[in-house]
């Protein structure tokens, strides 16, 4: 206790000394000078008093008389005058010093006021400092709590990741099982179709007249002979068998008078044609160009094929028409499991449209891209949608909740196409930076880069495992990449730069749209072009115009710069030309589940065509 008392006493003494030093040192010289002046004034007063006494004595002496005394008096008077003048000067200096003391006192008061204000400000700062220290302590305690909470959340996140990985493994297992079941179902359906074809064939063989079978056999032999002979034409219309049919057959004889057109469905006709060895031209010639029919009333083969008489009808009717994007639309794709279409446009959005409900309002708008969308694609389950963009990236959204799941960045040029590889684990992207990149969606990282040497406009994968990647490039080449052996097969050279690729369902045929306004059909088993599709009015609209196979792989559709959509069958015949767009058509897509066709173009519009 005594130590504390000594401390504060010493503190007070130190503060008092410091105050005296601040208040007195500045005026020390003035005070000393003032004291000297006061002493000098006192001395002068004493001298003055003494002189006054002497003056009185001299006056009294003068009054008594004497000349010597007069001289002394005069001297004393002079001395008195000088003393009075000096006294006056001293009084004047005293007044000046007094005024200086007053001014200095005012300054001292001002300094005291300033010191008190600063002391008050110092007290406030100390109070604020104490308050901030208390806040810092609170923040430290809050930080510790947040660290503990963060550790807890990290543990929960790790647990959830493990659970998510387990669920993903289960999902992949279920998807694999679903794929196997689908394959088995397709096998069963194929067997059922084969059995139905056999039944139809037996029915046709029983019902068709024997004369037609004989003449068909004769026609077949004539065709075989014509093929063996060099320089002969294989045109069935000029063959003897066909002429025989024209002279001696009639529609009634052809059907034997037993069944009519309404009794034949597509499978029955195709089974009958396969059974008797006729192609489309032979069948129509035998049925509709008999001798009794006038040439002017002859139904043209073109009209019959365009209306789908020998197969699935073409989707010539407009089912829906709506504004898909705020400006140009670039991409369109059907969902593999729903009557739903995804579109992508220059407005940086991917939109989902529910065609089954005939709704012209989007089911969902998927955002996240910072530039125009170039392509869209679904995985085989329809659960994920993959989009590429001009911002050098690709993105994956989930369809069920419309959330952005992955953003794949790493290209140095706009990404034109993307497809799933070993779905849903990997994705391959093709870009204008002349590379193809394979991404692992589990780590969201690029695991392999393939250097193509030319800008990639489109790519496809040959199967669900993505063992072979086929890419189309600006340098007119189709490149084949085997990701299992990391070897590149021989390139196929096209006559102009390639705008799009599409595979048939059995992965045996590939169509390639080329900038010289043609579409090439390639047999991948031979790696060579087997057919070319073109028309005098058909013009490829842009460098990323997309052509498409239908679900059966028997028809091909592609949009043109004149706003029309041209449909060919794989035999090279132009079956239909669809109207509806007023500007160039950028992309088309056949529905995998029905005979519907979706298209988008430069006029923002999406049109859905159907056959009913």
Foldseek 3Di string as FASTA:
>chain_A
DVVVVVVVVVVVVVVVVVVCCVLDVVCVVLVVVLVVLVVVLVVLVVVLVVLVVVLVVLVVVVVVNDDVSVVVNVVSVVVNVVSVVVNVVSVVVNVVSVVVVVVVVVVSVVVVVVVVVVVVVVVVVVVVVVVVVVVVVVVVVVVVVVVVVVVVVVVVVVVVVVVVVVVVVVVVVVVVVVVVVVVVVVVVVVVVLVVVLVVLQVVCVVQQDVVVLVLLVVLVVQLVVQVVDPPGDNPSCPTPSLVVLQEPPELCNGRVVPDDPVVDDLSSLVSNCVNSVHDLVSVLSNNFRHNVDDPVPTDDSLQCVLCQVNHDGAQQAFLAKEQQDPFAWAEKEQQQPARKMWTWFQVQWIFICHVVVNDRDTPDIAHDGPGGWQYKDAANVSQKMKIWGQVQWIWIAGPVVSDTDAIAHDGPGGWHEKDDALPPAWMWTFGQSQKIFIAGSVVSDTPDIGHRPFGWQYKDAQDNNSQWIWTFGQQQWIWIAGPVVRDTDDIDGHPGGWQYKEAAPNSQWMWTQGQVQKIFIAGVVVRDTDDIEHDPQAGQQDSNWEKYAALRRQKIWTWGQQQWIWIDGPVRRTNDIHHDGRGTWRYKYHHNPANKMWTGGRGSMIIITGSD
